[in-house]
N, C-alpha and C. Protein backbone atom coordinates (compact mmCIF):
# COMPACT_ATOMS: atom_id res chain seq x y z
N MET A 1 13.82 -3.97 18.26
CA MET A 1 12.79 -4.58 17.46
C MET A 1 11.91 -3.52 16.81
N LYS A 2 11.56 -3.74 15.58
CA LYS A 2 10.71 -2.81 14.85
C LYS A 2 9.27 -2.97 15.29
N ASN A 3 8.49 -1.92 15.11
CA ASN A 3 7.10 -1.91 15.52
C ASN A 3 6.26 -2.83 14.63
N PRO A 4 5.58 -3.82 15.23
CA PRO A 4 4.80 -4.77 14.42
C PRO A 4 3.61 -4.13 13.71
N ILE A 5 3.08 -3.04 14.25
CA ILE A 5 1.98 -2.35 13.58
C ILE A 5 2.47 -1.73 12.28
N ASN A 6 3.61 -1.06 12.32
CA ASN A 6 4.18 -0.46 11.11
C ASN A 6 4.49 -1.52 10.06
N ILE A 7 5.03 -2.63 10.50
CA ILE A 7 5.36 -3.72 9.58
C ILE A 7 4.09 -4.27 8.94
N GLY A 8 3.03 -4.42 9.74
CA GLY A 8 1.76 -4.91 9.21
C GLY A 8 1.18 -4.00 8.16
N VAL A 9 1.20 -2.68 8.42
CA VAL A 9 0.68 -1.72 7.44
C VAL A 9 1.51 -1.80 6.16
N THR A 10 2.80 -1.88 6.31
CA THR A 10 3.69 -1.98 5.13
C THR A 10 3.38 -3.23 4.32
N ILE A 11 3.23 -4.34 4.97
CA ILE A 11 2.93 -5.60 4.27
C ILE A 11 1.59 -5.48 3.53
N ARG A 12 0.57 -4.94 4.20
CA ARG A 12 -0.73 -4.80 3.55
C ARG A 12 -0.70 -3.80 2.41
N PHE A 13 0.08 -2.73 2.55
CA PHE A 13 0.24 -1.75 1.46
C PHE A 13 0.75 -2.46 0.20
N TYR A 14 1.81 -3.22 0.33
CA TYR A 14 2.37 -3.90 -0.84
C TYR A 14 1.45 -5.01 -1.35
N GLU A 15 0.74 -5.65 -0.44
CA GLU A 15 -0.25 -6.65 -0.85
C GLU A 15 -1.31 -6.00 -1.74
N ALA A 16 -1.80 -4.84 -1.33
CA ALA A 16 -2.83 -4.15 -2.10
C ALA A 16 -2.31 -3.68 -3.45
N VAL A 17 -1.14 -3.07 -3.47
CA VAL A 17 -0.57 -2.61 -4.74
C VAL A 17 -0.34 -3.78 -5.67
N ASN A 18 0.24 -4.85 -5.17
CA ASN A 18 0.49 -6.03 -6.02
C ASN A 18 -0.81 -6.66 -6.50
N PHE A 19 -1.85 -6.64 -5.67
CA PHE A 19 -3.16 -7.15 -6.10
C PHE A 19 -3.68 -6.31 -7.26
N LEU A 20 -3.59 -4.99 -7.14
CA LEU A 20 -4.08 -4.10 -8.19
C LEU A 20 -3.30 -4.30 -9.49
N ILE A 21 -2.00 -4.51 -9.39
CA ILE A 21 -1.18 -4.76 -10.57
C ILE A 21 -1.58 -6.10 -11.19
N GLY A 22 -1.69 -7.12 -10.35
CA GLY A 22 -2.03 -8.46 -10.83
C GLY A 22 -3.39 -8.55 -11.49
N ASN A 23 -4.29 -7.65 -11.11
CA ASN A 23 -5.63 -7.64 -11.67
C ASN A 23 -5.84 -6.56 -12.73
N GLY A 24 -4.75 -5.96 -13.18
CA GLY A 24 -4.82 -5.01 -14.27
C GLY A 24 -5.43 -3.66 -13.94
N LYS A 25 -5.56 -3.34 -12.65
CA LYS A 25 -6.13 -2.04 -12.27
C LYS A 25 -5.11 -0.91 -12.43
N ILE A 26 -3.83 -1.26 -12.25
CA ILE A 26 -2.73 -0.33 -12.54
C ILE A 26 -1.68 -1.11 -13.31
N ARG A 27 -0.91 -0.39 -14.09
CA ARG A 27 0.06 -1.04 -14.99
C ARG A 27 1.22 -1.69 -14.26
N GLY A 28 1.74 -0.99 -13.26
CA GLY A 28 2.90 -1.52 -12.55
C GLY A 28 3.29 -0.64 -11.38
N LYS A 29 4.37 -1.00 -10.74
CA LYS A 29 4.85 -0.29 -9.54
C LYS A 29 5.20 1.15 -9.84
N GLN A 30 5.88 1.38 -10.96
CA GLN A 30 6.26 2.74 -11.32
C GLN A 30 5.02 3.60 -11.58
N THR A 31 4.01 3.01 -12.17
CA THR A 31 2.76 3.74 -12.40
C THR A 31 2.15 4.17 -11.07
N TYR A 32 2.15 3.26 -10.09
CA TYR A 32 1.62 3.63 -8.79
C TYR A 32 2.48 4.71 -8.14
N CYS A 33 3.78 4.60 -8.24
CA CYS A 33 4.68 5.62 -7.68
C CYS A 33 4.38 6.99 -8.29
N ASN A 34 4.20 7.02 -9.60
CA ASN A 34 3.89 8.30 -10.27
C ASN A 34 2.55 8.85 -9.80
N LEU A 35 1.55 7.99 -9.69
CA LEU A 35 0.21 8.41 -9.24
C LEU A 35 0.25 8.99 -7.84
N ALA A 36 0.98 8.33 -6.95
CA ALA A 36 1.01 8.72 -5.54
C ALA A 36 2.09 9.75 -5.21
N GLY A 37 2.99 10.01 -6.14
CA GLY A 37 4.08 10.94 -5.87
C GLY A 37 5.18 10.34 -5.00
N ILE A 38 5.39 9.05 -5.14
CA ILE A 38 6.39 8.34 -4.34
C ILE A 38 7.71 8.26 -5.09
N ASP A 39 8.80 8.53 -4.40
CA ASP A 39 10.12 8.33 -4.98
C ASP A 39 10.30 6.82 -5.17
N LYS A 40 10.49 6.39 -6.40
CA LYS A 40 10.51 4.94 -6.67
C LYS A 40 11.66 4.24 -5.98
N ARG A 41 12.78 4.92 -5.72
CA ARG A 41 13.87 4.28 -4.98
C ARG A 41 13.44 3.96 -3.56
N ALA A 42 12.70 4.87 -2.93
CA ALA A 42 12.19 4.63 -1.58
C ALA A 42 11.17 3.49 -1.61
N TYR A 43 10.32 3.47 -2.64
CA TYR A 43 9.31 2.41 -2.79
C TYR A 43 9.99 1.05 -2.86
N TYR A 44 10.99 0.91 -3.71
CA TYR A 44 11.66 -0.37 -3.88
C TYR A 44 12.47 -0.75 -2.65
N ARG A 45 13.09 0.22 -2.00
CA ARG A 45 13.85 -0.07 -0.79
C ARG A 45 12.93 -0.58 0.32
N GLN A 46 11.78 0.12 0.47
CA GLN A 46 10.82 -0.30 1.49
C GLN A 46 10.28 -1.69 1.18
N GLU A 47 10.02 -1.95 -0.10
CA GLU A 47 9.48 -3.24 -0.51
C GLU A 47 10.45 -4.38 -0.17
N SER A 48 11.73 -4.11 -0.27
CA SER A 48 12.71 -5.17 -0.02
C SER A 48 13.01 -5.34 1.47
N ASP A 49 12.55 -4.38 2.31
CA ASP A 49 12.81 -4.45 3.74
C ASP A 49 11.61 -3.87 4.50
N ASN A 50 10.69 -4.73 4.95
CA ASN A 50 9.48 -4.28 5.63
C ASN A 50 9.77 -3.48 6.90
N GLU A 51 10.98 -3.59 7.41
CA GLU A 51 11.33 -2.88 8.65
C GLU A 51 12.04 -1.56 8.39
N ALA A 52 12.13 -1.12 7.15
CA ALA A 52 12.88 0.10 6.82
C ALA A 52 12.21 1.38 7.29
N SER A 53 10.92 1.37 7.55
CA SER A 53 10.16 2.53 8.03
C SER A 53 10.23 3.74 7.11
N LEU A 54 10.16 3.50 5.80
CA LEU A 54 10.17 4.59 4.83
C LEU A 54 8.77 5.00 4.38
N ILE A 55 7.79 4.10 4.53
CA ILE A 55 6.44 4.37 4.05
C ILE A 55 5.87 5.60 4.75
N GLN A 56 5.17 6.43 3.97
CA GLN A 56 4.57 7.63 4.51
C GLN A 56 3.07 7.61 4.21
N PHE A 57 2.32 8.40 4.94
CA PHE A 57 0.87 8.40 4.79
C PHE A 57 0.42 8.67 3.35
N PHE A 58 1.08 9.60 2.67
CA PHE A 58 0.63 9.94 1.32
C PHE A 58 0.77 8.78 0.35
N TRP A 59 1.57 7.78 0.69
CA TRP A 59 1.70 6.60 -0.16
C TRP A 59 0.39 5.82 -0.23
N ILE A 60 -0.36 5.80 0.88
CA ILE A 60 -1.54 4.94 0.94
C ILE A 60 -2.83 5.63 0.51
N ILE A 61 -2.84 6.94 0.45
CA ILE A 61 -4.08 7.67 0.14
C ILE A 61 -4.69 7.24 -1.19
N PRO A 62 -3.93 7.11 -2.30
CA PRO A 62 -4.57 6.68 -3.55
C PRO A 62 -5.20 5.29 -3.48
N LEU A 63 -4.65 4.42 -2.64
CA LEU A 63 -5.26 3.10 -2.49
C LEU A 63 -6.70 3.24 -2.00
N VAL A 64 -6.90 4.14 -1.06
CA VAL A 64 -8.22 4.33 -0.46
C VAL A 64 -9.12 5.16 -1.38
N THR A 65 -8.60 6.26 -1.91
CA THR A 65 -9.44 7.19 -2.67
C THR A 65 -9.67 6.78 -4.12
N GLU A 66 -8.70 6.14 -4.73
CA GLU A 66 -8.81 5.81 -6.15
C GLU A 66 -9.19 4.36 -6.42
N PHE A 67 -8.85 3.46 -5.49
CA PHE A 67 -9.01 2.03 -5.75
C PHE A 67 -9.90 1.31 -4.75
N ASN A 68 -10.55 2.08 -3.86
CA ASN A 68 -11.54 1.52 -2.94
C ASN A 68 -10.97 0.50 -1.96
N ILE A 69 -9.67 0.62 -1.65
CA ILE A 69 -9.08 -0.25 -0.63
C ILE A 69 -9.61 0.20 0.73
N ASN A 70 -9.98 -0.75 1.55
CA ASN A 70 -10.54 -0.49 2.87
C ASN A 70 -9.45 0.06 3.80
N ALA A 71 -9.60 1.30 4.24
CA ALA A 71 -8.61 1.93 5.11
C ALA A 71 -8.47 1.19 6.43
N LYS A 72 -9.57 0.68 6.95
CA LYS A 72 -9.50 -0.07 8.22
C LYS A 72 -8.65 -1.32 8.04
N TRP A 73 -8.84 -2.02 6.94
CA TRP A 73 -8.03 -3.20 6.65
C TRP A 73 -6.56 -2.80 6.51
N LEU A 74 -6.31 -1.74 5.76
CA LEU A 74 -4.95 -1.31 5.50
C LEU A 74 -4.21 -0.97 6.79
N LEU A 75 -4.90 -0.30 7.69
CA LEU A 75 -4.26 0.15 8.93
C LEU A 75 -4.27 -0.89 10.05
N THR A 76 -5.30 -1.74 10.09
CA THR A 76 -5.43 -2.66 11.22
C THR A 76 -5.39 -4.13 10.84
N GLY A 77 -5.64 -4.42 9.58
CA GLY A 77 -5.73 -5.81 9.14
C GLY A 77 -7.10 -6.42 9.38
N LYS A 78 -8.05 -5.62 9.86
CA LYS A 78 -9.40 -6.12 10.13
C LYS A 78 -10.32 -5.80 8.97
N GLY A 79 -11.19 -6.77 8.65
CA GLY A 79 -12.11 -6.60 7.54
C GLY A 79 -11.47 -7.07 6.24
N GLY A 80 -12.13 -6.78 5.14
CA GLY A 80 -11.64 -7.18 3.84
C GLY A 80 -10.78 -6.11 3.20
N MET A 81 -10.06 -6.50 2.15
CA MET A 81 -9.18 -5.56 1.47
C MET A 81 -9.96 -4.41 0.82
N PHE A 82 -11.19 -4.70 0.38
CA PHE A 82 -11.96 -3.68 -0.32
C PHE A 82 -13.09 -3.16 0.54
N GLU A 83 -13.35 -1.87 0.41
CA GLU A 83 -14.45 -1.22 1.10
C GLU A 83 -15.77 -1.74 0.54
N ARG A 84 -16.68 -2.07 1.40
CA ARG A 84 -18.00 -2.53 0.94
C ARG A 84 -18.81 -1.35 0.47
N LYS A 85 -19.49 -1.54 -0.62
CA LYS A 85 -20.39 -0.50 -1.12
C LYS A 85 -21.72 -0.64 -0.42
N THR A 86 -22.23 0.48 0.08
CA THR A 86 -23.51 0.43 0.79
C THR A 86 -24.64 0.92 -0.07
C-alpha cells in the first residue's frame, strides 16, 4: 500500500495548480512545469497516478513562494489553501 500522506500531498499539489490555472493565475500545466523546472512527462505521469511517487519538493516551492499557497495546507491538509496575510 502506498503512503497516504504522500498521496494527500500529491492530490493537494494538483488541486492547487488546477485552481491557479482555472483562475487565470497561470496559463496552464506546461507553464507551471517551466516555472518550477519540472519535466512535463513526470508531471503528467504523476497526475494520472497519485501513487506514482514522482513528485519532488522543488515542484511545490513555487506554489508557496510565488502564489501564496499555504504550505501547512499543502503538506498536511490543515487550514486553507491560501496563506493568510497578517
